Amino acid sequence: MRERTKEREGVVVSAKMAKTVVVQVDRLFQHPLYGKRLRQRRRYKAHDEQSQCHEGDRVVIIESRPLSRDKRWRVSKVLKKAAG
């Protein structure tokens, strides 16, 4: 049976490269000792074949084979387009 691929949901923060977007994924978690809720931000470079994503779009990215030195993710679907 095939392993489940990882999915992340985030916001496109840069779409200036050809067929590549930078997606910022926010994650809330609780500190193991102190219990305070912390926000962790991670930025992924994702492959966008049709160049359909723009800054501010909310997208789902899925893990894929290495496409370049930094790209290991692909844009799966656009959930919400940016206003304007």
PDB file of N, CA and C in Angstrom:
ATOM      1  N   MET A   1       0.832  -1.179   0.000  1.00  0.00           N
ATOM      2  CA  MET A   1       0.000   0.000   0.000  1.00  0.00           C
ATOM      3  C   MET A   1       0.885   1.254   0.000  1.00  0.00           C
ATOM      4  N   ARG A   2       0.432   2.274  -0.693  1.00  0.00           N
ATOM      5  CA  ARG A   2       1.234   3.476  -0.828  1.00  0.00           C
ATOM      6  C   ARG A   2       1.084   4.377   0.390  1.00  0.00           C
ATOM      7  N   GLU A   3       2.176   4.991   0.784  1.00  0.00           N
ATOM      8  CA  GLU A   3       2.173   5.875   1.944  1.00  0.00           C
ATOM      9  C   GLU A   3       1.405   7.150   1.634  1.00  0.00           C
ATOM     10  N   ARG A   4       0.729   7.683   2.633  1.00  0.00           N
ATOM     11  CA  ARG A   4      -0.048   8.910   2.444  1.00  0.00           C
ATOM     12  C   ARG A   4       0.890  10.101   2.267  1.00  0.00           C
ATOM     13  N   THR A   5       0.640  10.914   1.230  1.00  0.00           N
ATOM     14  CA  THR A   5       1.500  12.074   0.988  1.00  0.00           C
ATOM     15  C   THR A   5       1.151  13.201   1.941  1.00  0.00           C
ATOM     16  N   LYS A   6       2.134  13.974   2.293  1.00  0.00           N
ATOM     17  CA  LYS A   6       1.918  15.087   3.216  1.00  0.00           C
ATOM     18  C   LYS A   6       1.224  16.236   2.502  1.00  0.00           C
ATOM     19  N   GLU A   7       0.331  16.901   3.207  1.00  0.00           N
ATOM     20  CA  GLU A   7      -0.372  18.079   2.689  1.00  0.00           C
ATOM     21  C   GLU A   7      -0.193  19.220   3.674  1.00  0.00           C
ATOM     22  N   ARG A   8      -0.044  20.411   3.150  1.00  0.00           N
ATOM     23  CA  ARG A   8       0.019  21.604   3.980  1.00  0.00           C
ATOM     24  C   ARG A   8      -0.881  22.665   3.354  1.00  0.00           C
ATOM     25  N   GLU A   9      -1.439  23.528   4.182  1.00  0.00           N
ATOM     26  CA  GLU A   9      -2.276  24.624   3.703  1.00  0.00           C
ATOM     27  C   GLU A   9      -1.609  25.922   4.122  1.00  0.00           C
ATOM     28  N   GLY A  10      -1.490  26.856   3.166  1.00  0.00           N
ATOM     29  CA  GLY A  10      -0.817  28.103   3.478  1.00  0.00           C
ATOM     30  C   GLY A  10      -1.163  29.205   2.506  1.00  0.00           C
ATOM     31  N   VAL A  11      -0.460  30.320   2.651  1.00  0.00           N
ATOM     32  CA  VAL A  11      -0.699  31.523   1.855  1.00  0.00           C
ATOM     33  C   VAL A  11       0.518  31.783   0.978  1.00  0.00           C
ATOM     34  N   VAL A  12       0.273  32.120  -0.278  1.00  0.00           N
ATOM     35  CA  VAL A  12       1.359  32.444  -1.200  1.00  0.00           C
ATOM     36  C   VAL A  12       1.915  33.816  -0.831  1.00  0.00           C
ATOM     37  N   VAL A  13       3.204  33.873  -0.530  1.00  0.00           N
ATOM     38  CA  VAL A  13       3.827  35.140  -0.157  1.00  0.00           C
ATOM     39  C   VAL A  13       4.694  35.707  -1.280  1.00  0.00           C
ATOM     40  N   SER A  14       5.046  34.867  -2.265  1.00  0.00           N
ATOM     41  CA  SER A  14       5.823  35.346  -3.394  1.00  0.00           C
ATOM     42  C   SER A  14       5.511  34.499  -4.619  1.00  0.00           C
ATOM     43  N   ALA A  15       5.295  35.176  -5.744  1.00  0.00           N
ATOM     44  CA  ALA A  15       5.046  34.476  -7.012  1.00  0.00           C
ATOM     45  C   ALA A  15       5.879  35.115  -8.115  1.00  0.00           C
ATOM     46  N   LYS A  16       7.109  35.473  -7.804  1.00  0.00           N
ATOM     47  CA  LYS A  16       7.941  36.216  -8.747  1.00  0.00           C
ATOM     48  C   LYS A  16       8.796  35.303  -9.625  1.00  0.00           C
ATOM     49  N   MET A  17       8.910  34.029  -9.255  1.00  0.00           N
ATOM     50  CA  MET A  17       9.724  33.104 -10.043  1.00  0.00           C
ATOM     51  C   MET A  17       8.865  32.400 -11.091  1.00  0.00           C
ATOM     52  N   ALA A  18       9.510  31.871 -12.100  1.00  0.00           N
ATOM     53  CA  ALA A  18       8.782  31.154 -13.144  1.00  0.00           C
ATOM     54  C   ALA A  18       8.380  29.777 -12.636  1.00  0.00           C
ATOM     55  N   LYS A  19       7.081  29.495 -12.666  1.00  0.00           N
ATOM     56  CA  LYS A  19       6.504  28.205 -12.254  1.00  0.00           C
ATOM     57  C   LYS A  19       6.815  27.825 -10.818  1.00  0.00           C
ATOM     58  N   THR A  20       7.136  28.788  -9.971  1.00  0.00           N
ATOM     59  CA  THR A  20       7.441  28.530  -8.567  1.00  0.00           C
ATOM     60  C   THR A  20       6.784  29.595  -7.700  1.00  0.00           C
ATOM     61  N   VAL A  21       6.197  29.148  -6.584  1.00  0.00           N
ATOM     62  CA  VAL A  21       5.633  30.077  -5.606  1.00  0.00           C
ATOM     63  C   VAL A  21       6.206  29.733  -4.234  1.00  0.00           C
ATOM     64  N   VAL A  22       6.263  30.730  -3.374  1.00  0.00           N
ATOM     65  CA  VAL A  22       6.685  30.520  -1.994  1.00  0.00           C
ATOM     66  C   VAL A  22       5.424  30.549  -1.139  1.00  0.00           C
ATOM     67  N   VAL A  23       5.193  29.462  -0.405  1.00  0.00           N
ATOM     68  CA  VAL A  23       3.991  29.315   0.412  1.00  0.00           C
ATOM     69  C   VAL A  23       4.399  29.319   1.881  1.00  0.00           C
ATOM     70  N   GLN A  24       3.771  30.202   2.659  1.00  0.00           N
ATOM     71  CA  GLN A  24       4.036  30.280   4.085  1.00  0.00           C
ATOM     72  C   GLN A  24       2.955  29.510   4.828  1.00  0.00           C
ATOM     73  N   VAL A  25       3.381  28.530   5.635  1.00  0.00           N
ATOM     74  CA  VAL A  25       2.463  27.691   6.397  1.00  0.00           C
ATOM     75  C   VAL A  25       2.613  28.035   7.869  1.00  0.00           C
ATOM     76  N   ASP A  26       1.511  28.446   8.507  1.00  0.00           N
ATOM     77  CA  ASP A  26       1.509  28.767   9.934  1.00  0.00           C
ATOM     78  C   ASP A  26       1.026  27.573  10.729  1.00  0.00           C
ATOM     79  N   ARG A  27       1.627  27.361  11.896  1.00  0.00           N
ATOM     80  CA  ARG A  27       1.265  26.234  12.745  1.00  0.00           C
ATOM     81  C   ARG A  27       1.250  26.707  14.184  1.00  0.00           C
ATOM     82  N   LEU A  28       0.170  26.452  14.882  1.00  0.00           N
ATOM     83  CA  LEU A  28       0.076  26.760  16.310  1.00  0.00           C
ATOM     84  C   LEU A  28       0.364  25.498  17.104  1.00  0.00           C
ATOM     85  N   PHE A  29       1.207  25.618  18.118  1.00  0.00           N
ATOM     86  CA  PHE A  29       1.462  24.475  18.981  1.00  0.00           C
ATOM     87  C   PHE A  29       1.718  24.972  20.397  1.00  0.00           C
ATOM     88  N   GLN A  30       1.582  24.078  21.330  1.00  0.00           N
ATOM     89  CA  GLN A  30       1.747  24.429  22.734  1.00  0.00           C
ATOM     90  C   GLN A  30       3.153  24.060  23.194  1.00  0.00           C
ATOM     91  N   HIS A  31       3.789  24.973  23.940  1.00  0.00           N
ATOM     92  CA  HIS A  31       5.120  24.703  24.451  1.00  0.00           C
ATOM     93  C   HIS A  31       5.046  23.514  25.410  1.00  0.00           C
ATOM     94  N   PRO A  32       5.957  22.539  25.259  1.00  0.00           N
ATOM     95  CA  PRO A  32       5.838  21.330  26.068  1.00  0.00           C
ATOM     96  C   PRO A  32       5.972  21.544  27.578  1.00  0.00           C
ATOM     97  N   LEU A  33       6.760  22.533  27.986  1.00  0.00           N
ATOM     98  CA  LEU A  33       6.969  22.754  29.422  1.00  0.00           C
ATOM     99  C   LEU A  33       6.082  23.862  29.968  1.00  0.00           C
ATOM    100  N   TYR A  34       6.022  24.986  29.261  1.00  0.00           N
ATOM    101  CA  TYR A  34       5.339  26.159  29.806  1.00  0.00           C
ATOM    102  C   TYR A  34       3.883  26.288  29.382  1.00  0.00           C
ATOM    103  N   GLY A  35       3.485  25.567  28.345  1.00  0.00           N
ATOM    104  CA  GLY A  35       2.078  25.567  27.971  1.00  0.00           C
ATOM    105  C   GLY A  35       1.629  26.739  27.124  1.00  0.00           C
ATOM    106  N   LYS A  36       2.516  27.688  26.865  1.00  0.00           N
ATOM    107  CA  LYS A  36       2.124  28.835  26.036  1.00  0.00           C
ATOM    108  C   LYS A  36       1.962  28.384  24.592  1.00  0.00           C
ATOM    109  N   ARG A  37       0.944  28.949  23.932  1.00  0.00           N
ATOM    110  CA  ARG A  37       0.717  28.626  22.524  1.00  0.00           C
ATOM    111  C   ARG A  37       1.644  29.478  21.668  1.00  0.00           C
ATOM    112  N   LEU A  38       2.385  28.820  20.797  1.00  0.00           N
ATOM    113  CA  LEU A  38       3.359  29.493  19.948  1.00  0.00           C
ATOM    114  C   LEU A  38       2.970  29.338  18.490  1.00  0.00           C
ATOM    115  N   ARG A  39       3.333  30.322  17.685  1.00  0.00           N
ATOM    116  CA  ARG A  39       3.083  30.271  16.249  1.00  0.00           C
ATOM    117  C   ARG A  39       4.413  30.032  15.542  1.00  0.00           C
ATOM    118  N   GLN A  40       4.438  28.975  14.745  1.00  0.00           N
ATOM    119  CA  GLN A  40       5.630  28.674  13.966  1.00  0.00           C
ATOM    120  C   GLN A  40       5.302  28.885  12.497  1.00  0.00           C
ATOM    121  N   ARG A  41       6.169  29.570  11.788  1.00  0.00           N
ATOM    122  CA  ARG A  41       5.974  29.829  10.366  1.00  0.00           C
ATOM    123  C   ARG A  41       7.061  29.126   9.587  1.00  0.00           C
ATOM    124  N   ARG A  42       6.658  28.475   8.505  1.00  0.00           N
ATOM    125  CA  ARG A  42       7.605  27.773   7.651  1.00  0.00           C
ATOM    126  C   ARG A  42       7.286  28.137   6.214  1.00  0.00           C
ATOM    127  N   ARG A  43       8.321  28.349   5.412  1.00  0.00           N
ATOM    128  CA  ARG A  43       8.126  28.726   4.016  1.00  0.00           C
ATOM    129  C   ARG A  43       8.607  27.597   3.115  1.00  0.00           C
ATOM    130  N   TYR A  44       7.745  27.213   2.188  1.00  0.00           N
ATOM    131  CA  TYR A  44       8.053  26.139   1.239  1.00  0.00           C
ATOM    132  C   TYR A  44       8.028  26.707  -0.170  1.00  0.00           C
ATOM    133  N   LYS A  45       8.973  26.251  -1.001  1.00  0.00           N
ATOM    134  CA  LYS A  45       8.909  26.568  -2.429  1.00  0.00           C
ATOM    135  C   LYS A  45       8.115  25.450  -3.097  1.00  0.00           C
ATOM    136  N   ALA A  46       7.085  25.832  -3.841  1.00  0.00           N
ATOM    137  CA  ALA A  46       6.198  24.844  -4.461  1.00  0.00           C
ATOM    138  C   ALA A  46       6.124  25.081  -5.956  1.00  0.00           C
ATOM    139  N   HIS A  47       5.962  23.998  -6.692  1.00  0.00           N
ATOM    140  CA  HIS A  47       5.871  24.050  -8.148  1.00  0.00           C
ATOM    141  C   HIS A  47       4.445  24.404  -8.563  1.00  0.00           C
ATOM    142  N   ASP A  48       4.317  25.405  -9.433  1.00  0.00           N
ATOM    143  CA  ASP A  48       3.017  25.862  -9.940  1.00  0.00           C
ATOM    144  C   ASP A  48       3.091  25.816 -11.461  1.00  0.00           C
ATOM    145  N   GLU A  49       2.672  24.709 -12.049  1.00  0.00           N
ATOM    146  CA  GLU A  49       2.865  24.460 -13.478  1.00  0.00           C
ATOM    147  C   GLU A  49       2.204  25.502 -14.373  1.00  0.00           C
ATOM    148  N   GLN A  50       0.945  25.884 -14.094  1.00  0.00           N
ATOM    149  CA  GLN A  50       0.223  26.838 -14.943  1.00  0.00           C
ATOM    150  C   GLN A  50       0.420  28.295 -14.509  1.00  0.00           C
ATOM    151  N   SER A  51       1.213  28.536 -13.498  1.00  0.00           N
ATOM    152  CA  SER A  51       1.416  29.887 -12.947  1.00  0.00           C
ATOM    153  C   SER A  51       0.078  30.552 -12.633  1.00  0.00           C
ATOM    154  N   GLN A  52      -0.797  29.813 -11.964  1.00  0.00           N
ATOM    155  CA  GLN A  52      -2.136  30.301 -11.638  1.00  0.00           C
ATOM    156  C   GLN A  52      -2.203  30.994 -10.280  1.00  0.00           C
ATOM    157  N   CYS A  53      -1.188  30.831  -9.445  1.00  0.00           N
ATOM    158  CA  CYS A  53      -1.205  31.410  -8.100  1.00  0.00           C
ATOM    159  C   CYS A  53      -0.591  32.803  -8.091  1.00  0.00           C
ATOM    160  N   HIS A  54      -1.154  33.656  -7.254  1.00  0.00           N
ATOM    161  CA  HIS A  54      -0.647  35.011  -7.048  1.00  0.00           C
ATOM    162  C   HIS A  54      -0.509  35.260  -5.555  1.00  0.00           C
ATOM    163  N   GLU A  55       0.177  36.330  -5.207  1.00  0.00           N
ATOM    164  CA  GLU A  55       0.382  36.648  -3.793  1.00  0.00           C
ATOM    165  C   GLU A  55      -0.954  36.824  -3.093  1.00  0.00           C
ATOM    166  N   GLY A  56      -1.060  36.233  -1.896  1.00  0.00           N
ATOM    167  CA  GLY A  56      -2.274  36.339  -1.107  1.00  0.00           C
ATOM    168  C   GLY A  56      -3.244  35.187  -1.286  1.00  0.00           C
ATOM    169  N   ASP A  57      -3.025  34.330  -2.276  1.00  0.00           N
ATOM    170  CA  ASP A  57      -3.904  33.173  -2.492  1.00  0.00           C
ATOM    171  C   ASP A  57      -3.696  32.143  -1.379  1.00  0.00           C
ATOM    172  N   ARG A  58      -4.779  31.501  -0.974  1.00  0.00           N
ATOM    173  CA  ARG A  58      -4.701  30.404  -0.012  1.00  0.00           C
ATOM    174  C   ARG A  58      -4.684  29.096  -0.813  1.00  0.00           C
ATOM    175  N   VAL A  59      -3.641  28.274  -0.605  1.00  0.00           N
ATOM    176  CA  VAL A  59      -3.444  27.079  -1.424  1.00  0.00           C
ATOM    177  C   VAL A  59      -3.166  25.851  -0.556  1.00  0.00           C
ATOM    178  N   VAL A  60      -3.340  24.682  -1.167  1.00  0.00           N
ATOM    179  CA  VAL A  60      -2.947  23.412  -0.567  1.00  0.00           C
ATOM    180  C   VAL A  60      -1.765  22.897  -1.376  1.00  0.00           C
ATOM    181  N   ILE A  61      -0.682  22.528  -0.682  1.00  0.00           N
ATOM    182  CA  ILE A  61       0.485  21.974  -1.359  1.00  0.00           C
ATOM    183  C   ILE A  61       0.674  20.532  -0.899  1.00  0.00           C
ATOM    184  N   ILE A  62       1.199  19.696  -1.803  1.00  0.00           N
ATOM    185  CA  ILE A  62       1.464  18.302  -1.472  1.00  0.00           C
ATOM    186  C   ILE A  62       2.933  17.989  -1.741  1.00  0.00           C
ATOM    187  N   GLU A  63       3.449  17.058  -0.969  1.00  0.00           N
ATOM    188  CA  GLU A  63       4.839  16.663  -1.105  1.00  0.00           C
ATOM    189  C   GLU A  63       5.037  15.882  -2.404  1.00  0.00           C
ATOM    190  N   SER A  64       6.178  16.091  -3.057  1.00  0.00           N
ATOM    191  CA  SER A  64       6.469  15.389  -4.302  1.00  0.00           C
ATOM    192  C   SER A  64       7.958  15.059  -4.359  1.00  0.00           C
ATOM    193  N   ARG A  65       8.362  14.491  -5.460  1.00  0.00           N
ATOM    194  CA  ARG A  65       9.781  14.194  -5.650  1.00  0.00           C
ATOM    195  C   ARG A  65      10.557  15.505  -5.772  1.00  0.00           C
ATOM    196  N   PRO A  66      11.859  15.506  -5.542  1.00  0.00           N
ATOM    197  CA  PRO A  66      12.634  16.736  -5.702  1.00  0.00           C
ATOM    198  C   PRO A  66      12.563  17.257  -7.136  1.00  0.00           C
ATOM    199  N   LEU A  67      12.133  18.506  -7.276  1.00  0.00           N
ATOM    200  CA  LEU A  67      12.013  19.125  -8.599  1.00  0.00           C
ATOM    201  C   LEU A  67      13.192  20.047  -8.888  1.00  0.00           C
ATOM    202  N   SER A  68      13.839  20.543  -7.849  1.00  0.00           N
ATOM    203  CA  SER A  68      15.048  21.353  -7.984  1.00  0.00           C
ATOM    204  C   SER A  68      15.773  21.301  -6.644  1.00  0.00           C
ATOM    205  N   ARG A  69      16.752  22.165  -6.460  1.00  0.00           N
ATOM    206  CA  ARG A  69      17.509  22.153  -5.202  1.00  0.00           C
ATOM    207  C   ARG A  69      16.637  22.438  -4.000  1.00  0.00           C
ATOM    208  N   ASP A  70      15.657  23.352  -4.150  1.00  0.00           N
ATOM    209  CA  ASP A  70      14.808  23.756  -3.027  1.00  0.00           C
ATOM    210  C   ASP A  70      13.372  23.238  -3.114  1.00  0.00           C
ATOM    211  N   LYS A  71      12.910  22.907  -4.311  1.00  0.00           N
ATOM    212  CA  LYS A  71      11.495  22.549  -4.487  1.00  0.00           C
ATOM    213  C   LYS A  71      11.241  21.068  -4.233  1.00  0.00           C
ATOM    214  N   ARG A  72      10.380  20.801  -3.225  1.00  0.00           N
ATOM    215  CA  ARG A  72       9.962  19.439  -2.902  1.00  0.00           C
ATOM    216  C   ARG A  72       8.441  19.356  -2.792  1.00  0.00           C
ATOM    217  N   TRP A  73       7.727  20.401  -3.181  1.00  0.00           N
ATOM    218  CA  TRP A  73       6.278  20.484  -3.023  1.00  0.00           C
ATOM    219  C   TRP A  73       5.641  20.950  -4.322  1.00  0.00           C
ATOM    220  N   ARG A  74       4.355  20.575  -4.533  1.00  0.00           N
ATOM    221  CA  ARG A  74       3.575  21.012  -5.687  1.00  0.00           C
ATOM    222  C   ARG A  74       2.280  21.630  -5.198  1.00  0.00           C
ATOM    223  N   VAL A  75       1.787  22.622  -5.916  1.00  0.00           N
ATOM    224  CA  VAL A  75       0.491  23.216  -5.592  1.00  0.00           C
ATOM    225  C   VAL A  75      -0.586  22.229  -6.039  1.00  0.00           C
ATOM    226  N   SER A  76      -1.423  21.811  -5.084  1.00  0.00           N
ATOM    227  CA  SER A  76      -2.481  20.856  -5.381  1.00  0.00           C
ATOM    228  C   SER A  76      -3.748  21.568  -5.836  1.00  0.00           C
ATOM    229  N   LYS A  77      -4.185  22.559  -5.068  1.00  0.00           N
ATOM    230  CA  LYS A  77      -5.369  23.328  -5.445  1.00  0.00           C
ATOM    231  C   LYS A  77      -5.348  24.687  -4.779  1.00  0.00           C
ATOM    232  N   VAL A  78      -6.047  25.620  -5.413  1.00  0.00           N
ATOM    233  CA  VAL A  78      -6.198  26.970  -4.874  1.00  0.00           C
ATOM    234  C   VAL A  78      -7.524  27.010  -4.140  1.00  0.00           C
ATOM    235  N   LEU A  79      -7.473  27.290  -2.853  1.00  0.00           N
ATOM    236  CA  LEU A  79      -8.689  27.311  -2.042  1.00  0.00           C
ATOM    237  C   LEU A  79      -9.421  28.652  -2.164  1.00  0.00           C
ATOM    238  N   LYS A  80      -8.636  29.744  -2.143  1.00  0.00           N
ATOM    239  CA  LYS A  80      -9.231  31.074  -2.172  1.00  0.00           C
ATOM    240  C   LYS A  80      -8.292  32.034  -2.885  1.00  0.00           C
ATOM    241  N   LYS A  81      -8.814  32.743  -3.869  1.00  0.00           N
ATOM    242  CA  LYS A  81      -8.015  33.727  -4.587  1.00  0.00           C
ATOM    243  C   LYS A  81      -7.911  35.007  -3.757  1.00  0.00           C
ATOM    244  N   ALA A  82      -6.823  35.730  -3.926  1.00  0.00           N
ATOM    245  CA  ALA A  82      -6.628  36.994  -3.215  1.00  0.00           C
ATOM    246  C   ALA A  82      -7.600  38.042  -3.743  1.00  0.00           C
ATOM    247  N   ALA A  83      -8.033  38.921  -2.872  1.00  0.00           N
ATOM    248  CA  ALA A  83      -8.935  39.995  -3.271  1.00  0.00           C
ATOM    249  C   ALA A  83      -8.191  40.992  -4.152  1.00  0.00           C
ATOM    250  N   GLY A  84      -8.792  41.368  -5.262  1.00  0.00           N
ATOM    251  CA  GLY A  84      -8.183  42.366  -6.140  1.00  0.00           C
ATOM    252  C   GLY A  84      -7.436  41.751  -7.198  1.00  0.00           C
TER     253      GLY A  84
END
